[in-house]
N, C-alpha and C. Protein backbone atom coordinates (compact mmCIF):
# COMPACT_ATOMS: atom_id res chain seq x y z
N MET A 1 -36.19 -116.55 -87.91
CA MET A 1 -35.92 -116.70 -89.33
C MET A 1 -35.82 -115.31 -89.95
N ARG A 2 -34.79 -115.07 -90.69
CA ARG A 2 -34.57 -113.79 -91.37
C ARG A 2 -35.02 -113.91 -92.82
N HIS A 3 -35.64 -112.87 -93.35
CA HIS A 3 -36.13 -112.86 -94.73
C HIS A 3 -35.38 -111.80 -95.53
N VAL A 4 -35.01 -112.15 -96.75
CA VAL A 4 -34.33 -111.24 -97.67
C VAL A 4 -35.10 -111.23 -98.98
N THR A 5 -35.31 -110.05 -99.53
CA THR A 5 -35.94 -109.90 -100.84
C THR A 5 -35.12 -108.94 -101.68
N VAL A 6 -34.90 -109.31 -102.93
CA VAL A 6 -34.27 -108.42 -103.90
C VAL A 6 -35.16 -108.43 -105.14
N GLU A 7 -35.53 -107.25 -105.60
CA GLU A 7 -36.33 -107.12 -106.81
C GLU A 7 -35.54 -106.32 -107.83
N ALA A 8 -35.69 -106.70 -109.09
CA ALA A 8 -34.98 -106.00 -110.16
C ALA A 8 -35.81 -106.03 -111.43
N LEU A 9 -35.57 -105.04 -112.27
CA LEU A 9 -36.17 -105.00 -113.60
C LEU A 9 -35.02 -105.06 -114.59
N VAL A 10 -35.04 -106.05 -115.46
CA VAL A 10 -34.01 -106.22 -116.48
C VAL A 10 -34.64 -105.73 -117.79
N PRO A 11 -34.18 -104.57 -118.28
CA PRO A 11 -34.83 -103.98 -119.45
C PRO A 11 -34.52 -104.70 -120.76
N ASP A 12 -35.57 -104.84 -121.56
CA ASP A 12 -35.46 -105.33 -122.94
C ASP A 12 -34.83 -106.72 -123.05
N VAL A 13 -35.09 -107.58 -122.06
CA VAL A 13 -34.58 -108.95 -122.10
C VAL A 13 -35.73 -109.90 -121.79
N PRO A 14 -35.92 -110.92 -122.62
CA PRO A 14 -36.98 -111.89 -122.34
C PRO A 14 -36.74 -112.62 -121.02
N ALA A 15 -37.81 -112.90 -120.29
CA ALA A 15 -37.70 -113.56 -118.99
C ALA A 15 -37.01 -114.92 -119.10
N GLU A 16 -37.22 -115.63 -120.19
CA GLU A 16 -36.57 -116.93 -120.39
C GLU A 16 -35.05 -116.78 -120.46
N THR A 17 -34.58 -115.70 -121.07
CA THR A 17 -33.14 -115.44 -121.16
C THR A 17 -32.57 -115.15 -119.78
N VAL A 18 -33.29 -114.38 -118.98
CA VAL A 18 -32.85 -114.09 -117.61
C VAL A 18 -32.85 -115.38 -116.79
N PHE A 19 -33.88 -116.18 -116.92
CA PHE A 19 -33.97 -117.45 -116.21
C PHE A 19 -32.73 -118.31 -116.50
N ASP A 20 -32.40 -118.45 -117.79
CA ASP A 20 -31.25 -119.27 -118.18
C ASP A 20 -29.94 -118.70 -117.62
N ALA A 21 -29.80 -117.38 -117.60
CA ALA A 21 -28.58 -116.76 -117.08
C ALA A 21 -28.44 -116.94 -115.57
N VAL A 22 -29.55 -116.79 -114.85
CA VAL A 22 -29.52 -116.95 -113.40
C VAL A 22 -29.02 -118.34 -113.02
N LEU A 23 -29.37 -119.34 -113.81
CA LEU A 23 -29.01 -120.72 -113.50
C LEU A 23 -27.53 -121.05 -113.71
N HIS A 24 -26.78 -120.14 -114.28
CA HIS A 24 -25.34 -120.38 -114.47
C HIS A 24 -24.58 -119.98 -113.20
N PHE A 25 -24.85 -120.73 -112.13
CA PHE A 25 -24.27 -120.44 -110.82
C PHE A 25 -22.75 -120.44 -110.85
N GLU A 26 -22.15 -121.24 -111.73
CA GLU A 26 -20.70 -121.31 -111.79
C GLU A 26 -20.07 -119.97 -112.19
N ARG A 27 -20.85 -119.06 -112.75
CA ARG A 27 -20.36 -117.73 -113.15
C ARG A 27 -20.36 -116.73 -112.00
N TYR A 28 -21.07 -117.01 -110.92
CA TYR A 28 -21.24 -116.03 -109.86
C TYR A 28 -19.94 -115.54 -109.23
N PRO A 29 -18.89 -116.37 -109.11
CA PRO A 29 -17.64 -115.83 -108.57
C PRO A 29 -17.04 -114.72 -109.45
N GLU A 30 -17.33 -114.75 -110.75
CA GLU A 30 -16.87 -113.68 -111.65
C GLU A 30 -17.73 -112.44 -111.53
N LEU A 31 -18.96 -112.60 -111.08
CA LEU A 31 -19.94 -111.52 -111.09
C LEU A 31 -20.03 -110.75 -109.78
N THR A 32 -19.64 -111.36 -108.68
CA THR A 32 -19.83 -110.73 -107.38
C THR A 32 -18.64 -110.99 -106.47
N PRO A 33 -18.20 -109.97 -105.75
CA PRO A 33 -17.03 -110.15 -104.88
C PRO A 33 -17.30 -111.00 -103.65
N HIS A 34 -18.55 -111.24 -103.31
CA HIS A 34 -18.85 -112.03 -102.12
C HIS A 34 -18.73 -113.54 -102.35
N VAL A 35 -18.84 -113.98 -103.60
CA VAL A 35 -18.81 -115.42 -103.89
C VAL A 35 -17.38 -115.86 -104.16
N ARG A 36 -16.86 -116.68 -103.28
CA ARG A 36 -15.52 -117.24 -103.47
C ARG A 36 -15.59 -118.40 -104.46
N ALA A 37 -16.63 -119.25 -104.32
CA ALA A 37 -16.78 -120.40 -105.20
C ALA A 37 -18.24 -120.80 -105.30
N ALA A 38 -18.61 -121.28 -106.47
CA ALA A 38 -19.94 -121.86 -106.71
C ALA A 38 -19.73 -123.03 -107.65
N ALA A 39 -20.02 -124.21 -107.18
CA ALA A 39 -19.84 -125.42 -107.99
C ALA A 39 -21.19 -126.05 -108.27
N VAL A 40 -21.46 -126.29 -109.54
CA VAL A 40 -22.70 -126.94 -109.94
C VAL A 40 -22.42 -128.44 -110.04
N HIS A 41 -23.13 -129.23 -109.24
CA HIS A 41 -22.96 -130.68 -109.24
C HIS A 41 -23.86 -131.34 -110.27
N GLU A 42 -25.06 -130.82 -110.41
CA GLU A 42 -26.00 -131.25 -111.44
C GLU A 42 -26.95 -130.09 -111.68
N GLY A 43 -27.44 -129.98 -112.89
CA GLY A 43 -28.30 -128.85 -113.20
C GLY A 43 -29.05 -129.05 -114.50
N PRO A 44 -29.52 -127.93 -115.09
CA PRO A 44 -30.28 -128.03 -116.32
C PRO A 44 -29.50 -128.81 -117.38
N PRO A 45 -30.21 -129.50 -118.22
CA PRO A 45 -31.63 -129.37 -118.51
C PRO A 45 -32.53 -130.18 -117.58
N ALA A 46 -31.97 -130.94 -116.64
CA ALA A 46 -32.80 -131.67 -115.69
C ALA A 46 -33.65 -130.68 -114.89
N PRO A 47 -34.80 -131.10 -114.38
CA PRO A 47 -35.66 -130.20 -113.61
C PRO A 47 -35.19 -129.96 -112.18
N GLU A 48 -34.17 -130.70 -111.76
CA GLU A 48 -33.61 -130.52 -110.42
C GLU A 48 -32.10 -130.51 -110.52
N GLY A 49 -31.47 -129.89 -109.52
CA GLY A 49 -30.03 -129.83 -109.51
C GLY A 49 -29.49 -129.64 -108.12
N SER A 50 -28.17 -129.46 -108.05
CA SER A 50 -27.49 -129.27 -106.78
C SER A 50 -26.26 -128.42 -107.02
N SER A 51 -25.96 -127.56 -106.06
CA SER A 51 -24.77 -126.73 -106.15
C SER A 51 -24.22 -126.47 -104.75
N SER A 52 -22.94 -126.14 -104.70
CA SER A 52 -22.28 -125.79 -103.44
C SER A 52 -21.75 -124.37 -103.55
N TRP A 53 -21.81 -123.66 -102.44
CA TRP A 53 -21.46 -122.24 -102.41
C TRP A 53 -20.48 -121.94 -101.28
N GLU A 54 -19.61 -120.96 -101.54
CA GLU A 54 -18.75 -120.37 -100.52
C GLU A 54 -18.81 -118.86 -100.69
N LEU A 55 -19.29 -118.18 -99.65
CA LEU A 55 -19.37 -116.72 -99.66
C LEU A 55 -18.44 -116.17 -98.59
N TYR A 56 -17.76 -115.08 -98.94
CA TYR A 56 -16.97 -114.37 -97.94
C TYR A 56 -17.94 -113.79 -96.91
N PHE A 57 -17.67 -114.06 -95.64
CA PHE A 57 -18.57 -113.65 -94.58
C PHE A 57 -17.75 -113.32 -93.34
N ARG A 58 -17.80 -112.07 -92.94
CA ARG A 58 -17.01 -111.59 -91.81
C ARG A 58 -15.56 -111.92 -92.07
N SER A 59 -14.90 -112.65 -91.21
CA SER A 59 -13.48 -112.97 -91.39
C SER A 59 -13.26 -114.36 -91.98
N GLY A 60 -14.31 -114.99 -92.44
CA GLY A 60 -14.16 -116.35 -92.94
C GLY A 60 -15.07 -116.60 -94.12
N LEU A 61 -15.54 -117.84 -94.21
CA LEU A 61 -16.40 -118.26 -95.31
C LEU A 61 -17.70 -118.84 -94.79
N LEU A 62 -18.74 -118.59 -95.52
CA LEU A 62 -20.05 -119.17 -95.26
C LEU A 62 -20.25 -120.22 -96.35
N ARG A 63 -20.45 -121.48 -95.96
CA ARG A 63 -20.53 -122.58 -96.93
C ARG A 63 -21.85 -123.33 -96.81
N TRP A 64 -22.35 -123.78 -97.96
CA TRP A 64 -23.52 -124.65 -97.95
C TRP A 64 -23.66 -125.35 -99.29
N THR A 65 -24.40 -126.44 -99.28
CA THR A 65 -24.82 -127.14 -100.49
C THR A 65 -26.33 -127.07 -100.52
N GLU A 66 -26.86 -126.85 -101.71
CA GLU A 66 -28.31 -126.73 -101.83
C GLU A 66 -28.83 -127.61 -102.95
N ARG A 67 -30.11 -127.89 -102.85
CA ARG A 67 -30.85 -128.62 -103.87
C ARG A 67 -31.78 -127.62 -104.53
N GLU A 68 -31.82 -127.61 -105.85
CA GLU A 68 -32.66 -126.67 -106.58
C GLU A 68 -33.67 -127.42 -107.44
N THR A 69 -34.80 -126.77 -107.66
CA THR A 69 -35.77 -127.23 -108.65
C THR A 69 -35.99 -126.08 -109.63
N TYR A 70 -36.07 -126.42 -110.91
CA TYR A 70 -36.21 -125.42 -111.98
C TYR A 70 -37.51 -125.66 -112.72
N ASP A 71 -38.30 -124.63 -112.85
CA ASP A 71 -39.54 -124.72 -113.60
C ASP A 71 -39.51 -123.59 -114.64
N ARG A 72 -38.97 -123.92 -115.82
CA ARG A 72 -38.79 -122.90 -116.86
C ARG A 72 -40.13 -122.39 -117.36
N GLU A 73 -41.13 -123.25 -117.42
CA GLU A 73 -42.45 -122.83 -117.89
C GLU A 73 -43.03 -121.74 -116.98
N ARG A 74 -42.88 -121.92 -115.67
CA ARG A 74 -43.38 -120.93 -114.70
C ARG A 74 -42.33 -119.88 -114.35
N LEU A 75 -41.10 -120.01 -114.88
CA LEU A 75 -39.99 -119.09 -114.61
C LEU A 75 -39.72 -118.99 -113.11
N HIS A 76 -39.60 -120.16 -112.50
CA HIS A 76 -39.48 -120.27 -111.04
C HIS A 76 -38.32 -121.21 -110.69
N ILE A 77 -37.48 -120.77 -109.78
CA ILE A 77 -36.38 -121.59 -109.26
C ILE A 77 -36.54 -121.61 -107.75
N ALA A 78 -36.50 -122.79 -107.16
CA ALA A 78 -36.57 -122.92 -105.70
C ALA A 78 -35.29 -123.61 -105.23
N PHE A 79 -34.82 -123.23 -104.04
CA PHE A 79 -33.64 -123.88 -103.48
C PHE A 79 -33.81 -124.09 -101.98
N ARG A 80 -33.10 -125.11 -101.48
CA ARG A 80 -33.12 -125.44 -100.06
C ARG A 80 -31.77 -126.04 -99.70
N GLN A 81 -31.18 -125.52 -98.62
CA GLN A 81 -29.91 -126.06 -98.16
C GLN A 81 -30.08 -127.52 -97.73
N THR A 82 -29.11 -128.36 -98.14
CA THR A 82 -29.10 -129.75 -97.71
C THR A 82 -27.98 -130.01 -96.71
N ASP A 83 -26.99 -129.13 -96.71
CA ASP A 83 -25.87 -129.25 -95.79
C ASP A 83 -25.17 -127.90 -95.73
N GLY A 84 -24.70 -127.52 -94.54
CA GLY A 84 -23.94 -126.28 -94.51
C GLY A 84 -24.05 -125.52 -93.21
N ASP A 85 -23.61 -124.26 -93.27
CA ASP A 85 -23.46 -123.42 -92.09
C ASP A 85 -24.76 -122.85 -91.55
N PHE A 86 -25.78 -122.76 -92.37
CA PHE A 86 -27.07 -122.29 -91.89
C PHE A 86 -27.77 -123.44 -91.17
N ASP A 87 -28.59 -123.11 -90.19
CA ASP A 87 -29.47 -124.11 -89.62
C ASP A 87 -30.57 -124.40 -90.64
N GLU A 88 -31.05 -123.32 -91.28
CA GLU A 88 -32.05 -123.42 -92.35
C GLU A 88 -31.76 -122.35 -93.39
N LEU A 89 -31.93 -122.70 -94.65
CA LEU A 89 -31.82 -121.77 -95.76
C LEU A 89 -32.70 -122.28 -96.89
N SER A 90 -33.59 -121.43 -97.38
CA SER A 90 -34.43 -121.78 -98.53
C SER A 90 -34.84 -120.50 -99.22
N GLY A 91 -35.25 -120.64 -100.48
CA GLY A 91 -35.69 -119.45 -101.19
C GLY A 91 -36.14 -119.74 -102.60
N THR A 92 -36.44 -118.64 -103.30
CA THR A 92 -36.93 -118.74 -104.68
C THR A 92 -36.42 -117.57 -105.52
N TRP A 93 -36.33 -117.84 -106.80
CA TRP A 93 -36.18 -116.82 -107.83
C TRP A 93 -37.49 -116.91 -108.64
N LEU A 94 -38.15 -115.80 -108.85
CA LEU A 94 -39.36 -115.77 -109.64
C LEU A 94 -39.22 -114.67 -110.68
N LEU A 95 -39.45 -115.03 -111.93
CA LEU A 95 -39.33 -114.07 -113.02
C LEU A 95 -40.65 -113.98 -113.75
N ARG A 96 -40.90 -112.82 -114.36
CA ARG A 96 -42.09 -112.68 -115.20
C ARG A 96 -41.82 -111.63 -116.26
N GLN A 97 -42.44 -111.83 -117.40
CA GLN A 97 -42.31 -110.86 -118.48
C GLN A 97 -43.17 -109.66 -118.15
N ASP A 98 -42.61 -108.47 -118.26
CA ASP A 98 -43.32 -107.22 -117.99
C ASP A 98 -43.13 -106.33 -119.22
N GLY A 99 -43.98 -106.53 -120.23
CA GLY A 99 -43.79 -105.86 -121.51
C GLY A 99 -42.49 -106.37 -122.12
N PRO A 100 -41.61 -105.48 -122.54
CA PRO A 100 -40.34 -105.94 -123.12
C PRO A 100 -39.30 -106.31 -122.05
N ASP A 101 -39.62 -106.06 -120.78
CA ASP A 101 -38.67 -106.24 -119.69
C ASP A 101 -38.95 -107.52 -118.90
N CYS A 102 -37.98 -107.90 -118.09
CA CYS A 102 -38.16 -109.03 -117.17
C CYS A 102 -38.14 -108.50 -115.74
N ALA A 103 -39.18 -108.80 -115.00
CA ALA A 103 -39.23 -108.48 -113.57
C ALA A 103 -38.70 -109.71 -112.82
N LEU A 104 -37.77 -109.48 -111.93
CA LEU A 104 -37.12 -110.55 -111.18
C LEU A 104 -37.35 -110.32 -109.70
N ARG A 105 -37.64 -111.38 -108.98
CA ARG A 105 -37.77 -111.30 -107.53
C ARG A 105 -37.04 -112.50 -106.91
N PHE A 106 -36.13 -112.20 -106.00
CA PHE A 106 -35.40 -113.22 -105.25
C PHE A 106 -35.83 -113.11 -103.80
N ASP A 107 -36.22 -114.24 -103.21
CA ASP A 107 -36.58 -114.28 -101.79
C ASP A 107 -35.78 -115.40 -101.13
N ALA A 108 -35.32 -115.15 -99.92
CA ALA A 108 -34.63 -116.20 -99.15
C ALA A 108 -34.98 -116.04 -97.69
N ASP A 109 -35.09 -117.17 -97.02
CA ASP A 109 -35.29 -117.22 -95.57
C ASP A 109 -34.14 -118.03 -95.00
N PHE A 110 -33.55 -117.52 -93.91
CA PHE A 110 -32.45 -118.26 -93.31
C PHE A 110 -32.42 -118.08 -91.81
N SER A 111 -31.75 -119.01 -91.17
CA SER A 111 -31.51 -118.95 -89.73
C SER A 111 -30.22 -119.69 -89.46
N PHE A 112 -29.41 -119.13 -88.58
CA PHE A 112 -28.20 -119.82 -88.16
C PHE A 112 -28.47 -120.76 -86.99
N GLY A 113 -29.65 -120.63 -86.39
CA GLY A 113 -30.00 -121.50 -85.28
C GLY A 113 -29.32 -121.14 -83.97
N ILE A 114 -28.82 -119.90 -83.89
CA ILE A 114 -28.16 -119.42 -82.66
C ILE A 114 -28.88 -118.13 -82.24
N PRO A 115 -29.99 -118.25 -81.52
CA PRO A 115 -30.78 -117.07 -81.18
C PRO A 115 -29.97 -115.94 -80.53
N SER A 116 -29.01 -116.27 -79.70
CA SER A 116 -28.24 -115.22 -79.01
C SER A 116 -27.35 -114.44 -79.97
N MET A 117 -27.04 -114.99 -81.14
CA MET A 117 -26.18 -114.32 -82.11
C MET A 117 -26.96 -113.73 -83.29
N ALA A 118 -28.27 -113.95 -83.33
CA ALA A 118 -29.08 -113.52 -84.46
C ALA A 118 -28.98 -112.02 -84.71
N GLY A 119 -28.95 -111.24 -83.66
CA GLY A 119 -28.86 -109.79 -83.81
C GLY A 119 -27.56 -109.33 -84.43
N ILE A 120 -26.52 -110.14 -84.33
CA ILE A 120 -25.21 -109.79 -84.89
C ILE A 120 -25.03 -110.41 -86.28
N LEU A 121 -25.27 -111.71 -86.40
CA LEU A 121 -24.99 -112.43 -87.64
C LEU A 121 -26.04 -112.21 -88.73
N ASP A 122 -27.31 -112.20 -88.36
CA ASP A 122 -28.37 -112.12 -89.36
C ASP A 122 -28.30 -110.88 -90.24
N PRO A 123 -28.11 -109.67 -89.67
CA PRO A 123 -28.05 -108.49 -90.55
C PRO A 123 -26.86 -108.53 -91.51
N ILE A 124 -25.73 -109.07 -91.07
CA ILE A 124 -24.56 -109.16 -91.94
C ILE A 124 -24.84 -110.15 -93.06
N ALA A 125 -25.38 -111.32 -92.71
CA ALA A 125 -25.69 -112.32 -93.72
C ALA A 125 -26.75 -111.81 -94.70
N ALA A 126 -27.75 -111.11 -94.21
CA ALA A 126 -28.79 -110.56 -95.08
C ALA A 126 -28.17 -109.59 -96.09
N ARG A 127 -27.28 -108.74 -95.61
CA ARG A 127 -26.64 -107.78 -96.52
C ARG A 127 -25.79 -108.49 -97.56
N VAL A 128 -25.03 -109.50 -97.15
CA VAL A 128 -24.18 -110.25 -98.08
C VAL A 128 -25.04 -110.95 -99.14
N ILE A 129 -26.14 -111.55 -98.74
CA ILE A 129 -27.03 -112.23 -99.69
C ILE A 129 -27.65 -111.22 -100.65
N GLU A 130 -28.18 -110.11 -100.13
CA GLU A 130 -28.77 -109.08 -100.99
C GLU A 130 -27.76 -108.56 -101.99
N GLU A 131 -26.57 -108.23 -101.51
CA GLU A 131 -25.55 -107.68 -102.40
C GLU A 131 -25.09 -108.70 -103.43
N THR A 132 -25.00 -109.96 -103.03
CA THR A 132 -24.59 -111.01 -103.96
C THR A 132 -25.56 -111.11 -105.13
N VAL A 133 -26.84 -111.12 -104.83
CA VAL A 133 -27.86 -111.19 -105.88
C VAL A 133 -27.80 -109.93 -106.75
N ALA A 134 -27.69 -108.77 -106.14
CA ALA A 134 -27.64 -107.51 -106.89
C ALA A 134 -26.42 -107.46 -107.81
N TRP A 135 -25.25 -107.80 -107.28
CA TRP A 135 -24.03 -107.81 -108.09
C TRP A 135 -24.19 -108.78 -109.26
N ALA A 136 -24.70 -109.98 -108.98
CA ALA A 136 -24.82 -111.00 -110.02
C ALA A 136 -25.73 -110.54 -111.15
N VAL A 137 -26.91 -110.05 -110.81
CA VAL A 137 -27.86 -109.61 -111.84
C VAL A 137 -27.30 -108.43 -112.61
N ASN A 138 -26.66 -107.49 -111.92
CA ASN A 138 -26.02 -106.36 -112.59
C ASN A 138 -24.91 -106.81 -113.53
N GLY A 139 -24.21 -107.87 -113.14
CA GLY A 139 -23.13 -108.38 -113.98
C GLY A 139 -23.62 -109.13 -115.20
N MET A 140 -24.81 -109.67 -115.12
CA MET A 140 -25.37 -110.45 -116.23
C MET A 140 -25.97 -109.57 -117.33
N PHE A 141 -26.55 -108.43 -116.94
CA PHE A 141 -27.31 -107.62 -117.87
C PHE A 141 -27.05 -106.14 -117.66
N ALA A 142 -27.08 -105.39 -118.75
CA ALA A 142 -26.90 -103.93 -118.69
C ALA A 142 -28.21 -103.25 -118.31
N GLY A 143 -28.11 -102.14 -117.61
CA GLY A 143 -29.26 -101.30 -117.32
C GLY A 143 -30.22 -101.82 -116.28
N VAL A 144 -29.82 -102.79 -115.49
CA VAL A 144 -30.69 -103.36 -114.46
C VAL A 144 -31.10 -102.27 -113.48
N ARG A 145 -32.38 -102.26 -113.14
CA ARG A 145 -32.89 -101.34 -112.11
C ARG A 145 -33.29 -102.18 -110.91
N LEU A 146 -32.62 -101.93 -109.81
CA LEU A 146 -32.84 -102.71 -108.60
C LEU A 146 -33.87 -102.07 -107.71
N GLY A 147 -34.63 -102.91 -107.00
CA GLY A 147 -35.58 -102.45 -106.00
C GLY A 147 -34.90 -102.21 -104.67
N MET A 148 -33.61 -102.50 -104.58
CA MET A 148 -32.80 -102.20 -103.40
C MET A 148 -31.62 -101.38 -103.88
N ALA A 149 -30.94 -100.71 -102.98
CA ALA A 149 -29.78 -99.92 -103.36
C ALA A 149 -28.71 -100.85 -103.92
N ALA A 150 -28.16 -100.50 -105.08
CA ALA A 150 -27.10 -101.31 -105.67
C ALA A 150 -25.84 -101.18 -104.83
N PRO A 151 -25.11 -102.27 -104.64
CA PRO A 151 -23.87 -102.18 -103.90
C PRO A 151 -22.92 -101.24 -104.62
N GLU A 152 -22.16 -100.50 -103.87
CA GLU A 152 -21.22 -99.56 -104.45
C GLU A 152 -20.30 -100.28 -105.42
N GLY A 153 -20.21 -99.74 -106.63
CA GLY A 153 -19.33 -100.32 -107.63
C GLY A 153 -19.92 -101.48 -108.39
N ALA A 154 -21.19 -101.81 -108.17
CA ALA A 154 -21.79 -102.96 -108.85
C ALA A 154 -22.31 -102.55 -110.22
N ALA A 155 -21.45 -102.03 -111.03
CA ALA A 155 -21.84 -101.61 -112.37
C ALA A 155 -21.65 -102.76 -113.34
N HIS A 156 -22.40 -102.74 -114.41
CA HIS A 156 -22.31 -103.80 -115.41
C HIS A 156 -20.96 -103.80 -116.11
N GLU A 157 -20.27 -102.71 -116.13
CA GLU A 157 -19.06 -102.59 -116.91
C GLU A 157 -17.88 -103.38 -116.38
N GLY A 158 -18.09 -104.25 -115.43
CA GLY A 158 -16.99 -105.07 -114.93
C GLY A 158 -16.70 -104.74 -113.49
N ALA A 159 -17.34 -105.43 -112.62
CA ALA A 159 -17.17 -105.18 -111.19
C ALA A 159 -15.82 -105.69 -110.74
N ARG A 160 -15.15 -104.90 -109.95
CA ARG A 160 -13.88 -105.32 -109.37
C ARG A 160 -14.14 -105.95 -108.03
N ARG A 161 -13.35 -106.93 -107.72
CA ARG A 161 -13.46 -107.63 -106.45
C ARG A 161 -12.73 -106.81 -105.40
N PRO A 162 -13.51 -106.17 -104.46
CA PRO A 162 -12.84 -105.46 -103.38
C PRO A 162 -12.19 -106.46 -102.45
N GLY A 163 -11.93 -106.13 -101.25
CA GLY A 163 -11.28 -107.03 -100.30
C GLY A 163 -11.94 -108.40 -100.25
N ALA A 164 -11.35 -109.27 -99.52
CA ALA A 164 -11.79 -110.66 -99.50
C ALA A 164 -13.01 -110.89 -98.65
N GLY A 165 -13.71 -109.90 -98.21
CA GLY A 165 -14.94 -110.18 -97.50
C GLY A 165 -15.24 -109.22 -96.39
N GLU A 166 -16.10 -109.67 -95.55
CA GLU A 166 -16.62 -108.84 -94.46
C GLU A 166 -15.65 -108.76 -93.31
């Protein structure tokens, strides 16, 4: 199982505002070059939802559908793949107010279920997931400070979509 973590500080924005923005998955194709499509099947204000994703990955697409739970009071979002290309995929978004800023932490665990290919596929998928989250958060808010290196060109001023993928 591979683990991915992305941490960010969103300056001068209430955590509830960041929480609400993160949940607009349908916007992610506009925010990050790795997301080809994100379709929300059901979502807020209900406490649970579902969405489908397509990410550019190597020479093709990585696809999955996930089930999410939203806890606005705790500023926590959890997701788990219900169908798709991963053998297993699950994770969380956790936000907290840090003075005037919002501290954000994204964690995901995944496995393709092909041990012989893990050394090749896992690092590429980890990078794509990390960059997708970084691009998205940078696209939502100005002045974001990431706990990981920002992808080249992931500026708030309007990220351009480079080539069609990996």
